[in-house]
Structures are given as structure tokens and as C-alpha cells.
Amino acid sequence: MSVVGKPSAREAKRLQTRERLMGAAIAEFKRSGIAAADVGVIVAAAGVAHGTFFFHFPTKEHVLLELERREEDRIAKQVGRHVADSEHDIASTLNEAVRLVMGLERRLGAVLFKDFLALHFSQTRPADESNEHPVIVAVAGEIERAQQRGEVDPAVVPINSAVFFLLGLYALLTTTHDWPAQSAMIDDYVIRTLRSIESR
């Protein structure tokens, strides 16, 4: 009797190859950015044939899309832990989301982080089968709970406010990367977001 859910040897090998390619691609993106990244370098580092890359990822942007999914899942879980583990209000949750997104720059490096943010605004972004973005869902859920506590205006649409907040944050991080006042500007952005949704 086989174990339910256990991948076959062939599927396990396919997943291992995909992970090797993903790791090699991320290393190359960190070094040179996605536009200048060389697929030849990626496949050599992963130890696979050139066509294997395109079997797993039709374009380099698909690697970035997969990275986005993984990072969004990780951040959403951390936002969920913040909400569950601490005394919090909507301000602390938005500030935690900012902290986690900005922490990505340390994890990914400045070059890849910039490409990661740019993906949200790209006209050539690959079609995403999932229309659910876990960070948006997590922030929207907390806005809705704050609304139920009477902290957020009843007319606010939580999912819309979460989208506005996160896209605005990504745009600020993209355009003010080297600005000395970036931190103060982001603090001001959070304050103004809170004022726009709070109960009057």
C-alpha cells in the first residue's frame, strides 16, 4: 500500500531539479539583475541542460513570479503570527507589514529586491494563475477585524485598502531607494494610510 501524497521518484527528481534551477537563478539575479541574467550561467550552476530551464520556467520572469509567491506566503504567515502573538492594533499590523517587506532587501540583496518590486508594475509580467496574494489577504483581514472593532470607517472596503497600501508601499520603495528621507517618508505614508481609513 503506497503512502498517500508521497511523490513518485520521478516527481521528486523533477522537484529537485526545479529547486536547483530556482536557487541558481536567484543567485544569478542577485549578481546581475534579471535583465542581464544569463540562462547559460544558471543551467551550468544547476548542472542541467539548457532546455531544462525553459521546461520548468518559460521565462526568467517566471522564476521571479515563483519567488514572489514564496516570499508572499512567508510574509503573510509572519503577519498572521504578529496578529496572533501580540497586543496589536491596525497601526502595528501595517508597520509590521512594512518591516517585513523592507526586510526582503536584506534577504534578496538590493539588485534582486529592485527587480522583485518592479514585477508588481511590469506590463510584461507573466500571467499569474492565482489571483490571490497572501500579503494582501492578510492585511485586508486585519483591516476588516479593525473595522469590526470600530477602529476603521464602515465605508472602507478592506481588500481595496490593502491593495492601495501595499502597491503604494512597493512604489515608494522602488522610487525612493537611495533617498536619505526614505524611512521618514514611509513612516508618514503609514500615518496617512491610517488616517484615510480610520473611523471619523
N, C-alpha and C. Protein backbone atom coordinates (compact mmCIF):
# COMPACT_ATOMS: atom_id res chain seq x y z
N MET A 1 0.85 -1.18 0.00
CA MET A 1 0.00 0.00 0.00
C MET A 1 0.89 1.25 0.00
N SER A 2 0.67 2.15 -0.93
CA SER A 2 1.52 3.34 -1.02
C SER A 2 1.04 4.41 -0.04
N VAL A 3 2.00 5.27 0.33
CA VAL A 3 1.68 6.36 1.24
C VAL A 3 1.00 7.47 0.44
N VAL A 4 -0.14 7.94 0.91
CA VAL A 4 -0.90 8.97 0.21
C VAL A 4 -0.10 10.27 0.22
N GLY A 5 -0.01 10.89 -0.94
CA GLY A 5 0.66 12.19 -1.02
C GLY A 5 2.16 12.13 -1.23
N LYS A 6 2.75 10.94 -1.14
CA LYS A 6 4.20 10.83 -1.34
C LYS A 6 4.49 10.91 -2.84
N PRO A 7 5.38 11.83 -3.26
CA PRO A 7 5.64 11.95 -4.70
C PRO A 7 6.41 10.73 -5.22
N SER A 8 6.19 10.41 -6.49
CA SER A 8 6.94 9.33 -7.11
C SER A 8 8.40 9.74 -7.21
N ALA A 9 9.28 8.77 -7.48
CA ALA A 9 10.72 9.07 -7.62
C ALA A 9 10.93 10.07 -8.76
N ARG A 10 10.18 9.91 -9.83
CA ARG A 10 10.31 10.82 -10.98
C ARG A 10 9.88 12.25 -10.61
N GLU A 11 8.75 12.36 -9.89
CA GLU A 11 8.28 13.67 -9.45
C GLU A 11 9.25 14.31 -8.47
N ALA A 12 9.80 13.51 -7.56
CA ALA A 12 10.77 14.02 -6.59
C ALA A 12 12.00 14.55 -7.32
N LYS A 13 12.45 13.84 -8.34
CA LYS A 13 13.62 14.29 -9.12
C LYS A 13 13.30 15.58 -9.86
N ARG A 14 12.09 15.67 -10.41
CA ARG A 14 11.67 16.90 -11.11
C ARG A 14 11.67 18.09 -10.15
N LEU A 15 11.15 17.88 -8.95
CA LEU A 15 11.12 18.96 -7.95
C LEU A 15 12.52 19.36 -7.51
N GLN A 16 13.40 18.38 -7.38
CA GLN A 16 14.80 18.69 -7.01
C GLN A 16 15.47 19.52 -8.09
N THR A 17 15.24 19.14 -9.35
CA THR A 17 15.81 19.90 -10.47
C THR A 17 15.27 21.32 -10.48
N ARG A 18 13.97 21.46 -10.27
CA ARG A 18 13.35 22.79 -10.24
C ARG A 18 13.95 23.64 -9.13
N GLU A 19 14.16 23.04 -7.95
CA GLU A 19 14.75 23.78 -6.83
C GLU A 19 16.19 24.19 -7.12
N ARG A 20 16.96 23.30 -7.77
CA ARG A 20 18.34 23.66 -8.14
C ARG A 20 18.35 24.83 -9.11
N LEU A 21 17.45 24.77 -10.09
CA LEU A 21 17.34 25.88 -11.06
C LEU A 21 16.92 27.17 -10.38
N MET A 22 15.97 27.05 -9.48
CA MET A 22 15.49 28.23 -8.75
C MET A 22 16.63 28.87 -7.96
N GLY A 23 17.37 28.05 -7.23
CA GLY A 23 18.49 28.56 -6.44
C GLY A 23 19.56 29.20 -7.30
N ALA A 24 19.89 28.54 -8.41
CA ALA A 24 20.92 29.07 -9.32
C ALA A 24 20.45 30.37 -9.97
N ALA A 25 19.17 30.43 -10.34
CA ALA A 25 18.62 31.64 -10.97
C ALA A 25 18.63 32.80 -9.98
N ILE A 26 18.22 32.55 -8.75
CA ILE A 26 18.21 33.61 -7.74
C ILE A 26 19.61 34.14 -7.50
N ALA A 27 20.59 33.25 -7.44
CA ALA A 27 21.99 33.69 -7.26
C ALA A 27 22.44 34.56 -8.43
N GLU A 28 22.07 34.17 -9.65
CA GLU A 28 22.44 34.96 -10.83
C GLU A 28 21.69 36.29 -10.86
N PHE A 29 20.42 36.30 -10.45
CA PHE A 29 19.65 37.55 -10.40
C PHE A 29 20.25 38.49 -9.37
N LYS A 30 20.68 37.96 -8.23
CA LYS A 30 21.30 38.80 -7.19
C LYS A 30 22.57 39.44 -7.72
N ARG A 31 23.30 38.69 -8.54
CA ARG A 31 24.58 39.18 -9.05
C ARG A 31 24.41 40.23 -10.14
N SER A 32 23.49 39.96 -11.09
CA SER A 32 23.46 40.83 -12.26
C SER A 32 22.11 41.44 -12.58
N GLY A 33 21.07 41.10 -11.82
CA GLY A 33 19.73 41.59 -12.14
C GLY A 33 19.09 40.69 -13.17
N ILE A 34 17.77 40.71 -13.22
CA ILE A 34 17.05 39.77 -14.09
C ILE A 34 17.30 40.05 -15.57
N ALA A 35 17.36 41.31 -15.97
CA ALA A 35 17.52 41.63 -17.39
C ALA A 35 18.84 41.12 -17.93
N ALA A 36 19.91 41.26 -17.15
CA ALA A 36 21.25 40.86 -17.62
C ALA A 36 21.59 39.41 -17.24
N ALA A 37 20.71 38.75 -16.50
CA ALA A 37 21.00 37.38 -16.06
C ALA A 37 21.15 36.46 -17.26
N ASP A 38 22.14 35.58 -17.20
CA ASP A 38 22.48 34.66 -18.29
C ASP A 38 21.95 33.27 -17.96
N VAL A 39 21.02 32.79 -18.78
CA VAL A 39 20.45 31.46 -18.55
C VAL A 39 21.54 30.39 -18.64
N GLY A 40 22.56 30.62 -19.47
CA GLY A 40 23.68 29.67 -19.56
C GLY A 40 24.39 29.51 -18.24
N VAL A 41 24.59 30.61 -17.53
CA VAL A 41 25.22 30.57 -16.21
C VAL A 41 24.32 29.82 -15.23
N ILE A 42 23.02 30.05 -15.32
CA ILE A 42 22.06 29.40 -14.41
C ILE A 42 22.07 27.89 -14.60
N VAL A 43 21.98 27.43 -15.86
CA VAL A 43 21.93 25.98 -16.08
C VAL A 43 23.25 25.32 -15.76
N ALA A 44 24.36 26.02 -15.99
CA ALA A 44 25.66 25.46 -15.63
C ALA A 44 25.76 25.28 -14.12
N ALA A 45 25.32 26.27 -13.37
CA ALA A 45 25.36 26.19 -11.91
C ALA A 45 24.43 25.09 -11.39
N ALA A 46 23.30 24.89 -12.07
CA ALA A 46 22.34 23.86 -11.65
C ALA A 46 22.72 22.48 -12.15
N GLY A 47 23.66 22.42 -13.12
CA GLY A 47 24.10 21.12 -13.65
C GLY A 47 23.08 20.44 -14.52
N VAL A 48 22.36 21.25 -15.34
CA VAL A 48 21.34 20.68 -16.22
C VAL A 48 21.52 21.22 -17.64
N ALA A 49 20.82 20.59 -18.59
CA ALA A 49 20.87 21.05 -19.98
C ALA A 49 20.12 22.38 -20.12
N HIS A 50 20.49 23.14 -21.14
CA HIS A 50 19.92 24.47 -21.37
C HIS A 50 18.39 24.43 -21.46
N GLY A 51 17.84 23.47 -22.20
CA GLY A 51 16.39 23.39 -22.38
C GLY A 51 15.64 23.07 -21.11
N THR A 52 16.34 22.50 -20.13
CA THR A 52 15.68 22.14 -18.87
C THR A 52 15.16 23.38 -18.15
N PHE A 53 15.90 24.48 -18.26
CA PHE A 53 15.44 25.72 -17.63
C PHE A 53 14.05 26.09 -18.15
N PHE A 54 13.90 26.07 -19.48
CA PHE A 54 12.65 26.52 -20.09
C PHE A 54 11.52 25.50 -19.92
N PHE A 55 11.86 24.25 -19.62
CA PHE A 55 10.83 23.27 -19.28
C PHE A 55 10.18 23.65 -17.95
N HIS A 56 10.99 24.12 -17.00
CA HIS A 56 10.49 24.47 -15.68
C HIS A 56 9.99 25.91 -15.60
N PHE A 57 10.67 26.82 -16.30
CA PHE A 57 10.34 28.25 -16.24
C PHE A 57 10.36 28.80 -17.66
N PRO A 58 9.19 29.10 -18.25
CA PRO A 58 9.17 29.58 -19.63
C PRO A 58 10.01 30.83 -19.88
N THR A 59 10.13 31.70 -18.85
CA THR A 59 10.95 32.90 -18.95
C THR A 59 11.64 33.14 -17.61
N LYS A 60 12.61 34.02 -17.60
CA LYS A 60 13.28 34.39 -16.33
C LYS A 60 12.27 35.01 -15.38
N GLU A 61 11.28 35.74 -15.92
CA GLU A 61 10.27 36.38 -15.07
C GLU A 61 9.44 35.36 -14.31
N HIS A 62 9.30 34.15 -14.86
CA HIS A 62 8.55 33.10 -14.15
C HIS A 62 9.28 32.66 -12.88
N VAL A 63 10.61 32.72 -12.89
CA VAL A 63 11.37 32.43 -11.66
C VAL A 63 11.02 33.49 -10.61
N LEU A 64 11.01 34.74 -11.04
CA LEU A 64 10.70 35.84 -10.13
C LEU A 64 9.27 35.73 -9.59
N LEU A 65 8.35 35.30 -10.43
CA LEU A 65 6.96 35.10 -10.01
C LEU A 65 6.88 34.01 -8.94
N GLU A 66 7.63 32.93 -9.13
CA GLU A 66 7.67 31.86 -8.13
C GLU A 66 8.28 32.37 -6.82
N LEU A 67 9.34 33.16 -6.93
CA LEU A 67 9.95 33.75 -5.73
C LEU A 67 8.96 34.66 -5.02
N GLU A 68 8.20 35.45 -5.79
CA GLU A 68 7.19 36.32 -5.21
C GLU A 68 6.16 35.51 -4.44
N ARG A 69 5.69 34.41 -5.02
CA ARG A 69 4.70 33.56 -4.33
C ARG A 69 5.24 33.07 -2.99
N ARG A 70 6.47 32.59 -3.02
CA ARG A 70 7.06 32.03 -1.81
C ARG A 70 7.25 33.10 -0.74
N GLU A 71 7.76 34.26 -1.15
CA GLU A 71 8.00 35.34 -0.19
C GLU A 71 6.69 35.90 0.35
N GLU A 72 5.68 36.01 -0.50
CA GLU A 72 4.38 36.49 -0.03
C GLU A 72 3.77 35.51 0.97
N ASP A 73 3.91 34.22 0.71
CA ASP A 73 3.42 33.22 1.68
C ASP A 73 4.12 33.38 3.02
N ARG A 74 5.44 33.55 2.97
CA ARG A 74 6.24 33.69 4.19
C ARG A 74 5.83 34.95 4.97
N ILE A 75 5.72 36.08 4.27
CA ILE A 75 5.36 37.34 4.92
C ILE A 75 3.94 37.26 5.50
N ALA A 76 3.01 36.68 4.74
CA ALA A 76 1.62 36.56 5.23
C ALA A 76 1.57 35.74 6.51
N LYS A 77 2.35 34.66 6.57
CA LYS A 77 2.39 33.84 7.79
C LYS A 77 2.94 34.65 8.96
N GLN A 78 3.97 35.46 8.70
CA GLN A 78 4.55 36.28 9.77
C GLN A 78 3.58 37.37 10.24
N VAL A 79 2.85 37.96 9.31
CA VAL A 79 1.80 38.92 9.69
C VAL A 79 0.77 38.22 10.56
N GLY A 80 0.38 37.00 10.17
CA GLY A 80 -0.58 36.23 10.95
C GLY A 80 -0.07 35.94 12.36
N ARG A 81 1.22 35.61 12.48
CA ARG A 81 1.81 35.36 13.81
C ARG A 81 1.82 36.64 14.64
N HIS A 82 2.13 37.77 13.99
CA HIS A 82 2.13 39.06 14.69
C HIS A 82 0.75 39.34 15.28
N VAL A 83 -0.27 39.10 14.47
CA VAL A 83 -1.65 39.36 14.91
C VAL A 83 -2.03 38.42 16.06
N ALA A 84 -1.59 37.16 15.96
CA ALA A 84 -1.97 36.16 16.97
C ALA A 84 -1.16 36.28 18.26
N ASP A 85 0.10 36.72 18.16
CA ASP A 85 1.01 36.65 19.31
C ASP A 85 1.13 37.92 20.13
N SER A 86 0.51 39.00 19.71
CA SER A 86 0.78 40.25 20.41
C SER A 86 -0.48 41.09 20.57
N GLU A 87 -0.35 42.02 21.52
CA GLU A 87 -1.37 43.07 21.60
C GLU A 87 -1.14 43.93 20.37
N HIS A 88 -2.13 44.09 19.56
CA HIS A 88 -1.90 44.82 18.32
C HIS A 88 -3.13 45.65 17.97
N ASP A 89 -2.88 46.62 17.12
CA ASP A 89 -3.96 47.38 16.51
C ASP A 89 -3.62 47.47 15.03
N ILE A 90 -4.44 48.15 14.28
CA ILE A 90 -4.21 48.20 12.84
C ILE A 90 -2.89 48.91 12.52
N ALA A 91 -2.51 49.90 13.32
CA ALA A 91 -1.23 50.61 13.09
C ALA A 91 -0.05 49.66 13.23
N SER A 92 -0.05 48.84 14.29
CA SER A 92 1.09 47.93 14.48
C SER A 92 1.13 46.88 13.38
N THR A 93 -0.03 46.47 12.87
CA THR A 93 -0.05 45.48 11.79
C THR A 93 0.50 46.07 10.50
N LEU A 94 0.10 47.29 10.16
CA LEU A 94 0.64 47.92 8.95
C LEU A 94 2.14 48.14 9.08
N ASN A 95 2.59 48.56 10.26
CA ASN A 95 4.03 48.76 10.48
C ASN A 95 4.79 47.44 10.40
N GLU A 96 4.18 46.35 10.87
CA GLU A 96 4.82 45.03 10.77
C GLU A 96 4.91 44.60 9.31
N ALA A 97 3.88 44.86 8.52
CA ALA A 97 3.92 44.53 7.09
C ALA A 97 5.04 45.31 6.41
N VAL A 98 5.19 46.59 6.75
CA VAL A 98 6.27 47.41 6.19
C VAL A 98 7.63 46.81 6.57
N ARG A 99 7.79 46.47 7.84
CA ARG A 99 9.07 45.92 8.32
C ARG A 99 9.42 44.63 7.57
N LEU A 100 8.43 43.77 7.37
CA LEU A 100 8.68 42.50 6.70
C LEU A 100 9.02 42.70 5.22
N VAL A 101 8.30 43.59 4.55
CA VAL A 101 8.59 43.84 3.13
C VAL A 101 9.98 44.46 3.00
N MET A 102 10.30 45.42 3.85
CA MET A 102 11.62 46.06 3.76
C MET A 102 12.73 45.06 4.13
N GLY A 103 12.42 44.10 4.98
CA GLY A 103 13.40 43.07 5.32
C GLY A 103 13.78 42.19 4.14
N LEU A 104 12.93 42.18 3.11
CA LEU A 104 13.25 41.42 1.90
C LEU A 104 14.53 41.91 1.24
N GLU A 105 14.81 43.21 1.35
CA GLU A 105 16.02 43.73 0.71
C GLU A 105 17.26 43.07 1.30
N ARG A 106 17.25 42.85 2.62
CA ARG A 106 18.39 42.16 3.24
C ARG A 106 18.46 40.71 2.77
N ARG A 107 17.31 40.07 2.63
CA ARG A 107 17.28 38.66 2.21
C ARG A 107 17.67 38.49 0.74
N LEU A 108 17.18 39.39 -0.11
CA LEU A 108 17.36 39.22 -1.55
C LEU A 108 18.55 40.00 -2.11
N GLY A 109 19.01 41.02 -1.40
CA GLY A 109 20.03 41.91 -1.94
C GLY A 109 19.37 43.02 -2.73
N ALA A 110 20.06 44.14 -2.85
CA ALA A 110 19.48 45.35 -3.45
C ALA A 110 19.06 45.15 -4.90
N VAL A 111 19.88 44.45 -5.69
CA VAL A 111 19.59 44.29 -7.12
C VAL A 111 18.33 43.45 -7.32
N LEU A 112 18.25 42.30 -6.67
CA LEU A 112 17.10 41.42 -6.84
C LEU A 112 15.85 42.03 -6.20
N PHE A 113 16.02 42.73 -5.09
CA PHE A 113 14.88 43.37 -4.43
C PHE A 113 14.22 44.38 -5.38
N LYS A 114 15.04 45.14 -6.09
CA LYS A 114 14.50 46.13 -7.04
C LYS A 114 13.70 45.43 -8.15
N ASP A 115 14.24 44.32 -8.67
CA ASP A 115 13.51 43.56 -9.70
C ASP A 115 12.23 42.96 -9.13
N PHE A 116 12.30 42.50 -7.89
CA PHE A 116 11.14 41.92 -7.20
C PHE A 116 10.01 42.94 -7.10
N LEU A 117 10.35 44.16 -6.70
CA LEU A 117 9.34 45.22 -6.59
C LEU A 117 8.80 45.61 -7.97
N ALA A 118 9.71 45.71 -8.95
CA ALA A 118 9.31 46.12 -10.30
C ALA A 118 8.33 45.14 -10.92
N LEU A 119 8.39 43.87 -10.52
CA LEU A 119 7.48 42.86 -11.06
C LEU A 119 6.02 43.25 -10.84
N HIS A 120 5.74 43.94 -9.73
CA HIS A 120 4.36 44.34 -9.42
C HIS A 120 3.80 45.36 -10.40
N PHE A 121 4.69 46.05 -11.12
CA PHE A 121 4.26 47.12 -12.03
C PHE A 121 4.60 46.81 -13.49
N SER A 122 5.10 45.61 -13.74
CA SER A 122 5.56 45.26 -15.08
C SER A 122 4.40 44.99 -16.04
N GLN A 123 4.48 45.58 -17.22
CA GLN A 123 3.48 45.31 -18.25
C GLN A 123 3.73 43.96 -18.90
N THR A 124 4.94 43.41 -18.71
CA THR A 124 5.26 42.10 -19.29
C THR A 124 5.21 41.00 -18.23
N ARG A 125 4.62 41.31 -17.08
CA ARG A 125 4.50 40.31 -16.01
C ARG A 125 3.80 39.07 -16.56
N PRO A 126 4.38 37.88 -16.33
CA PRO A 126 3.71 36.66 -16.81
C PRO A 126 2.34 36.51 -16.17
N ALA A 127 1.44 35.87 -16.91
CA ALA A 127 0.10 35.62 -16.37
C ALA A 127 0.23 34.79 -15.10
N ASP A 128 -0.47 35.20 -14.07
CA ASP A 128 -0.43 34.53 -12.78
C ASP A 128 -1.72 33.74 -12.63
N GLU A 129 -1.57 32.41 -12.48
CA GLU A 129 -2.76 31.57 -12.37
C GLU A 129 -3.56 31.92 -11.12
N SER A 130 -2.86 32.37 -10.08
CA SER A 130 -3.53 32.68 -8.82
C SER A 130 -3.82 34.17 -8.76
N ASN A 131 -5.05 34.52 -8.42
CA ASN A 131 -5.35 35.94 -8.26
C ASN A 131 -5.37 36.31 -6.78
N GLU A 132 -4.89 35.39 -5.94
CA GLU A 132 -4.86 35.65 -4.50
C GLU A 132 -3.42 35.93 -4.07
N HIS A 133 -3.22 37.09 -3.50
CA HIS A 133 -1.91 37.46 -2.99
C HIS A 133 -1.98 37.41 -1.46
N PRO A 134 -1.25 36.47 -0.85
CA PRO A 134 -1.40 36.23 0.59
C PRO A 134 -1.16 37.45 1.47
N VAL A 135 -0.23 38.33 1.11
CA VAL A 135 0.03 39.51 1.95
C VAL A 135 -1.17 40.45 1.90
N ILE A 136 -1.73 40.64 0.71
CA ILE A 136 -2.92 41.48 0.57
C ILE A 136 -4.06 40.90 1.41
N VAL A 137 -4.25 39.59 1.31
CA VAL A 137 -5.32 38.92 2.06
C VAL A 137 -5.11 39.09 3.57
N ALA A 138 -3.86 38.94 4.03
CA ALA A 138 -3.56 39.07 5.47
C ALA A 138 -3.83 40.49 5.96
N VAL A 139 -3.38 41.49 5.20
CA VAL A 139 -3.59 42.89 5.60
C VAL A 139 -5.08 43.23 5.53
N ALA A 140 -5.76 42.77 4.48
CA ALA A 140 -7.20 43.03 4.36
C ALA A 140 -7.96 42.41 5.52
N GLY A 141 -7.57 41.21 5.93
CA GLY A 141 -8.22 40.56 7.06
C GLY A 141 -8.08 41.36 8.33
N GLU A 142 -6.91 41.94 8.54
CA GLU A 142 -6.71 42.74 9.75
C GLU A 142 -7.46 44.06 9.68
N ILE A 143 -7.55 44.66 8.49
CA ILE A 143 -8.35 45.88 8.33
C ILE A 143 -9.82 45.57 8.63
N GLU A 144 -10.28 44.42 8.16
CA GLU A 144 -11.68 44.04 8.41
C GLU A 144 -11.92 43.81 9.91
N ARG A 145 -10.98 43.17 10.60
CA ARG A 145 -11.14 42.96 12.05
C ARG A 145 -11.14 44.30 12.80
N ALA A 146 -10.28 45.23 12.36
CA ALA A 146 -10.25 46.56 12.97
C ALA A 146 -11.57 47.29 12.71
N GLN A 147 -12.14 47.06 11.55
CA GLN A 147 -13.44 47.66 11.20
C GLN A 147 -14.51 47.12 12.16
N GLN A 148 -14.46 45.82 12.43
CA GLN A 148 -15.43 45.22 13.35
C GLN A 148 -15.26 45.74 14.78
N ARG A 149 -14.03 46.15 15.13
CA ARG A 149 -13.77 46.72 16.47
C ARG A 149 -14.14 48.20 16.52
N GLY A 150 -14.52 48.78 15.37
CA GLY A 150 -14.91 50.18 15.32
C GLY A 150 -13.75 51.13 15.08
N GLU A 151 -12.55 50.60 14.77
CA GLU A 151 -11.38 51.46 14.54
C GLU A 151 -11.30 51.97 13.11
N VAL A 152 -11.97 51.27 12.18
CA VAL A 152 -11.90 51.61 10.76
C VAL A 152 -13.30 51.99 10.28
N ASP A 153 -13.36 53.01 9.46
CA ASP A 153 -14.62 53.51 8.91
C ASP A 153 -15.42 52.37 8.25
N PRO A 154 -16.71 52.27 8.56
CA PRO A 154 -17.53 51.21 7.97
C PRO A 154 -17.59 51.25 6.44
N ALA A 155 -17.35 52.42 5.85
CA ALA A 155 -17.42 52.54 4.38
C ALA A 155 -16.17 51.99 3.69
N VAL A 156 -15.10 51.73 4.45
CA VAL A 156 -13.86 51.23 3.86
C VAL A 156 -14.07 49.81 3.34
N VAL A 157 -13.54 49.54 2.15
CA VAL A 157 -13.54 48.18 1.59
C VAL A 157 -12.16 47.59 1.91
N PRO A 158 -12.07 46.65 2.86
CA PRO A 158 -10.77 46.17 3.34
C PRO A 158 -9.82 45.69 2.25
N ILE A 159 -10.31 44.92 1.29
CA ILE A 159 -9.41 44.40 0.26
C ILE A 159 -8.84 45.53 -0.59
N ASN A 160 -9.69 46.53 -0.91
CA ASN A 160 -9.21 47.68 -1.69
C ASN A 160 -8.14 48.44 -0.92
N SER A 161 -8.38 48.68 0.38
CA SER A 161 -7.41 49.42 1.19
C SER A 161 -6.09 48.67 1.31
N ALA A 162 -6.16 47.34 1.40
CA ALA A 162 -4.93 46.54 1.47
C ALA A 162 -4.14 46.65 0.16
N VAL A 163 -4.84 46.59 -0.97
CA VAL A 163 -4.18 46.74 -2.28
C VAL A 163 -3.55 48.12 -2.39
N PHE A 164 -4.31 49.18 -2.05
CA PHE A 164 -3.78 50.55 -2.13
C PHE A 164 -2.53 50.68 -1.26
N PHE A 165 -2.61 50.14 -0.04
CA PHE A 165 -1.50 50.26 0.90
C PHE A 165 -0.24 49.56 0.38
N LEU A 166 -0.38 48.32 -0.05
CA LEU A 166 0.81 47.56 -0.46
C LEU A 166 1.38 48.05 -1.78
N LEU A 167 0.53 48.37 -2.75
CA LEU A 167 1.07 48.89 -4.01
C LEU A 167 1.75 50.25 -3.80
N GLY A 168 1.17 51.07 -2.92
CA GLY A 168 1.82 52.34 -2.59
C GLY A 168 3.16 52.12 -1.92
N LEU A 169 3.23 51.15 -1.02
CA LEU A 169 4.49 50.84 -0.35
C LEU A 169 5.53 50.37 -1.36
N TYR A 170 5.14 49.45 -2.26
CA TYR A 170 6.09 48.95 -3.27
C TYR A 170 6.58 50.10 -4.17
N ALA A 171 5.66 50.99 -4.52
CA ALA A 171 6.04 52.13 -5.38
C ALA A 171 7.03 53.04 -4.64
N LEU A 172 6.76 53.31 -3.36
CA LEU A 172 7.68 54.14 -2.58
C LEU A 172 9.05 53.49 -2.46
N LEU A 173 9.07 52.21 -2.18
CA LEU A 173 10.35 51.51 -2.04
C LEU A 173 11.13 51.50 -3.35
N THR A 174 10.41 51.41 -4.46
CA THR A 174 11.06 51.41 -5.78
C THR A 174 11.64 52.78 -6.12
N THR A 175 10.88 53.83 -5.86
CA THR A 175 11.28 55.16 -6.34
C THR A 175 12.15 55.94 -5.36
N THR A 176 12.17 55.54 -4.08
CA THR A 176 12.94 56.32 -3.10
C THR A 176 14.11 55.51 -2.53
N HIS A 177 14.55 54.50 -3.28
CA HIS A 177 15.55 53.54 -2.77
C HIS A 177 16.77 54.21 -2.15
N ASP A 178 17.33 55.20 -2.81
CA ASP A 178 18.56 55.84 -2.31
C ASP A 178 18.31 57.19 -1.62
N TRP A 179 17.07 57.50 -1.33
CA TRP A 179 16.77 58.79 -0.72
C TRP A 179 17.07 58.74 0.77
N PRO A 180 17.78 59.74 1.30
CA PRO A 180 18.06 59.76 2.74
C PRO A 180 16.80 59.82 3.59
N ALA A 181 15.73 60.41 3.05
CA ALA A 181 14.49 60.57 3.82
C ALA A 181 13.51 59.43 3.62
N GLN A 182 13.95 58.32 3.02
CA GLN A 182 13.01 57.23 2.71
C GLN A 182 12.28 56.74 3.95
N SER A 183 13.00 56.51 5.03
CA SER A 183 12.39 55.95 6.24
C SER A 183 11.30 56.88 6.79
N ALA A 184 11.60 58.18 6.86
CA ALA A 184 10.62 59.15 7.34
C ALA A 184 9.41 59.23 6.41
N MET A 185 9.68 59.11 5.11
CA MET A 185 8.60 59.17 4.13
C MET A 185 7.67 57.96 4.29
N ILE A 186 8.24 56.79 4.53
CA ILE A 186 7.42 55.59 4.70
C ILE A 186 6.63 55.66 6.00
N ASP A 187 7.25 56.19 7.06
CA ASP A 187 6.50 56.40 8.32
C ASP A 187 5.30 57.31 8.08
N ASP A 188 5.53 58.39 7.32
CA ASP A 188 4.45 59.33 7.01
C ASP A 188 3.37 58.66 6.16
N TYR A 189 3.79 57.79 5.25
CA TYR A 189 2.85 57.06 4.40
C TYR A 189 1.93 56.18 5.25
N VAL A 190 2.50 55.49 6.24
CA VAL A 190 1.68 54.63 7.11
C VAL A 190 0.69 55.50 7.90
N ILE A 191 1.16 56.62 8.43
CA ILE A 191 0.28 57.52 9.20
C ILE A 191 -0.88 57.99 8.33
N ARG A 192 -0.59 58.39 7.10
CA ARG A 192 -1.63 58.92 6.21
C ARG A 192 -2.58 57.81 5.75
N THR A 193 -2.06 56.60 5.59
CA THR A 193 -2.93 55.46 5.27
C THR A 193 -3.91 55.23 6.42
N LEU A 194 -3.40 55.25 7.64
CA LEU A 194 -4.26 55.05 8.81
C LEU A 194 -5.33 56.13 8.90
N ARG A 195 -4.94 57.37 8.65
CA ARG A 195 -5.91 58.47 8.72
C ARG A 195 -7.00 58.30 7.65
N SER A 196 -6.63 57.74 6.52
CA SER A 196 -7.60 57.61 5.41
C SER A 196 -8.64 56.54 5.69
N ILE A 197 -8.34 55.59 6.59
CA ILE A 197 -9.30 54.51 6.84
C ILE A 197 -9.94 54.56 8.23
N GLU A 198 -9.41 55.40 9.10
CA GLU A 198 -9.91 55.37 10.49
C GLU A 198 -11.35 55.88 10.60
N SER A 199 -12.03 55.42 11.63
CA SER A 199 -13.40 55.89 11.89
C SER A 199 -13.38 57.36 12.21
N ARG A 200 -14.35 58.08 11.71
CA ARG A 200 -14.41 59.52 11.95
C ARG A 200 -15.31 59.82 13.14
